C-alpha atoms as a PDB file:
ATOM      1  CA  MET A   1       0.023  -0.289   0.207  1.00  0.00           C
ATOM      2  CA  VAL A   2       1.393   3.340  -1.133  1.00  0.00           C
ATOM      3  CA  LEU A   3       1.156   6.106   1.584  1.00  0.00           C
ATOM      4  CA  TRP A   4      -1.083   8.208  -1.108  1.00  0.00           C
ATOM      5  CA  ASP A   5      -3.461   4.966  -0.365  1.00  0.00           C
ATOM      6  CA  ILE A   6      -3.552   5.956   3.154  1.00  0.00           C
ATOM      7  CA  PHE A   7      -4.767   9.641   2.773  1.00  0.00           C
ATOM      8  CA  ASP A   8      -7.060   8.371   0.076  1.00  0.00           C
ATOM      9  CA  ALA A   9      -9.152   6.100   2.419  1.00  0.00           C
ATOM     10  CA  LEU A  10      -9.553   8.811   4.894  1.00  0.00           C
ATOM     11  CA  SER A  11     -12.937  10.627   5.214  1.00  0.00           C
ATOM     12  CA  PRO A  12     -12.940  14.735   4.672  1.00  0.00           C
ATOM     13  CA  HIS A  13     -13.096  15.301   8.213  1.00  0.00           C
ATOM     14  CA  ALA A  14      -9.894  13.521   8.706  1.00  0.00           C
ATOM     15  CA  ARG A  15      -8.125  14.832   5.716  1.00  0.00           C
ATOM     16  CA  VAL A  16      -9.094  18.748   6.832  1.00  0.00           C
ATOM     17  CA  ALA A  17      -7.745  17.885  10.802  1.00  0.00           C
ATOM     18  CA  THR A  18      -4.426  15.807   8.950  1.00  0.00           C
ATOM     19  CA  ALA A  19      -3.638  19.389   7.130  1.00  0.00           C
ATOM     20  CA  VAL A  20      -4.710  21.870  10.058  1.00  0.00           C
ATOM     21  CA  LEU A  21      -3.750  20.197  13.490  1.00  0.00           C
ATOM     22  CA  PRO A  22      -0.197  20.407  12.839  1.00  0.00           C
ATOM     23  CA  PHE A  23      -0.160  24.077  11.970  1.00  0.00           C
ATOM     24  CA  VAL A  24      -2.480  24.746  15.135  1.00  0.00           C
ATOM     25  CA  ALA A  25       0.351  22.662  17.341  1.00  0.00           C
ATOM     26  CA  ALA A  26       2.741  24.649  16.151  1.00  0.00           C
ATOM     27  CA  MET A  27       1.130  28.176  16.833  1.00  0.00           C
ATOM     28  CA  VAL A  28       0.215  26.955  20.471  1.00  0.00           C
ATOM     29  CA  LEU A  29       3.623  25.877  20.767  1.00  0.00           C
ATOM     30  CA  ARG A  30       4.533  29.707  19.801  1.00  0.00           C
ATOM     31  CA  VAL A  31       2.496  30.973  22.232  1.00  0.00           C
ATOM     32  CA  LEU A  32       3.668  28.907  24.852  1.00  0.00           C
ATOM     33  CA  VAL A  33       7.476  29.322  24.360  1.00  0.00           C
ATOM     34  CA  GLY A  34       7.320  32.562  22.386  1.00  0.00           C
ATOM     35  CA  ARG A  35       9.652  33.089  19.094  1.00  0.00           C
ATOM     36  CA  THR A  36      12.578  30.948  18.475  1.00  0.00           C
ATOM     37  CA  MET A  37      14.199  29.123  15.889  1.00  0.00           C
ATOM     38  CA  VAL A  38      12.110  25.787  16.621  1.00  0.00           C
ATOM     39  CA  THR A  39       8.498  27.267  16.315  1.00  0.00           C
ATOM     40  CA  ARG A  40       9.599  29.589  13.411  1.00  0.00           C
ATOM     41  CA  TYR A  41      10.683  26.398  11.626  1.00  0.00           C
ATOM     42  CA  ALA A  42       7.675  24.706  12.643  1.00  0.00           C
ATOM     43  CA  VAL A  43       5.240  27.264  11.712  1.00  0.00           C
ATOM     44  CA  SER A  44       6.801  27.567   8.400  1.00  0.00           C
ATOM     45  CA  PHE A  45       7.038  23.432   8.194  1.00  0.00           C
ATOM     46  CA  THR A  46       3.641  23.355   9.139  1.00  0.00           C
ATOM     47  CA  THR A  47       2.388  25.813   6.984  1.00  0.00           C
ATOM     48  CA  LEU A  48       4.085  23.890   3.918  1.00  0.00           C
ATOM     49  CA  TRP A  49       2.505  20.772   4.687  1.00  0.00           C
ATOM     50  CA  PHE A  50      -1.083  22.683   4.834  1.00  0.00           C
ATOM     51  CA  LEU A  51      -0.277  24.108   1.702  1.00  0.00           C
ATOM     52  CA  ILE A  52       0.643  21.027  -0.044  1.00  0.00           C
ATOM     53  CA  ASN A  53      -2.464  19.219   1.282  1.00  0.00           C
ATOM     54  CA  VAL A  54      -4.724  21.904   0.015  1.00  0.00           C
ATOM     55  CA  LEU A  55      -2.916  21.686  -3.439  1.00  0.00           C
ATOM     56  CA  LEU A  56      -2.998  17.889  -3.947  1.00  0.00           C
ATOM     57  CA  ALA A  57      -6.618  17.804  -2.458  1.00  0.00           C
ATOM     58  CA  PRO A  58      -8.226  17.802  -5.651  1.00  0.00           C
ATOM     59  CA  TYR A  59      -5.869  15.014  -7.194  1.00  0.00           C
ATOM     60  CA  SER A  60      -7.248  12.276  -4.854  1.00  0.00           C
ATOM     61  CA  THR A  61      -9.480   9.484  -6.130  1.00  0.00           C
ATOM     62  CA  GLY A  62     -12.760  10.566  -4.242  1.00  0.00           C
ATOM     63  CA  MET A  63     -12.177  14.572  -4.969  1.00  0.00           C
ATOM     64  CA  THR A  64     -11.498  13.926  -8.590  1.00  0.00           C
ATOM     65  CA  GLU A  65     -14.912  12.253  -8.670  1.00  0.00           C
ATOM     66  CA  ASP A  66     -16.573  14.514  -6.999  1.00  0.00           C
ATOM     67  CA  LEU A  67     -15.187  17.451  -9.209  1.00  0.00           C
ATOM     68  CA  LEU A  68     -16.205  15.318 -12.287  1.00  0.00           C
ATOM     69  CA  THR A  69     -19.607  14.967 -10.684  1.00  0.00           C
ATOM     70  CA  ILE A  70     -19.988  18.544 -10.252  1.00  0.00           C
ATOM     71  CA  ARG A  71     -18.407  19.728 -13.826  1.00  0.00           C
ATOM     72  CA  GLY A  72     -21.226  17.583 -15.322  1.00  0.00           C
ATOM     73  CA  TYR A  73     -23.909  19.447 -13.831  1.00  0.00           C
ATOM     74  CA  PHE A  74     -22.761  22.823 -15.714  1.00  0.00           C
ATOM     75  CA  ARG A  75     -22.628  20.736 -19.175  1.00  0.00           C
END
């Protein structure tokens, strides 16, 4: 099983959680610890992770089917 297949098996709510929760955790860490090099890298990395999740979501199997269904309504 390829890693991407694991993400395809997740529900939409779980996908949002995997994209948002690391960023929220990094922001909470930043508030608790302050502006350190570790928190700066954590915020940068989790922002990149969120961006990758948002940009790649349309290419998952379930989302592709949903987009094709929506596209069919406008023909």
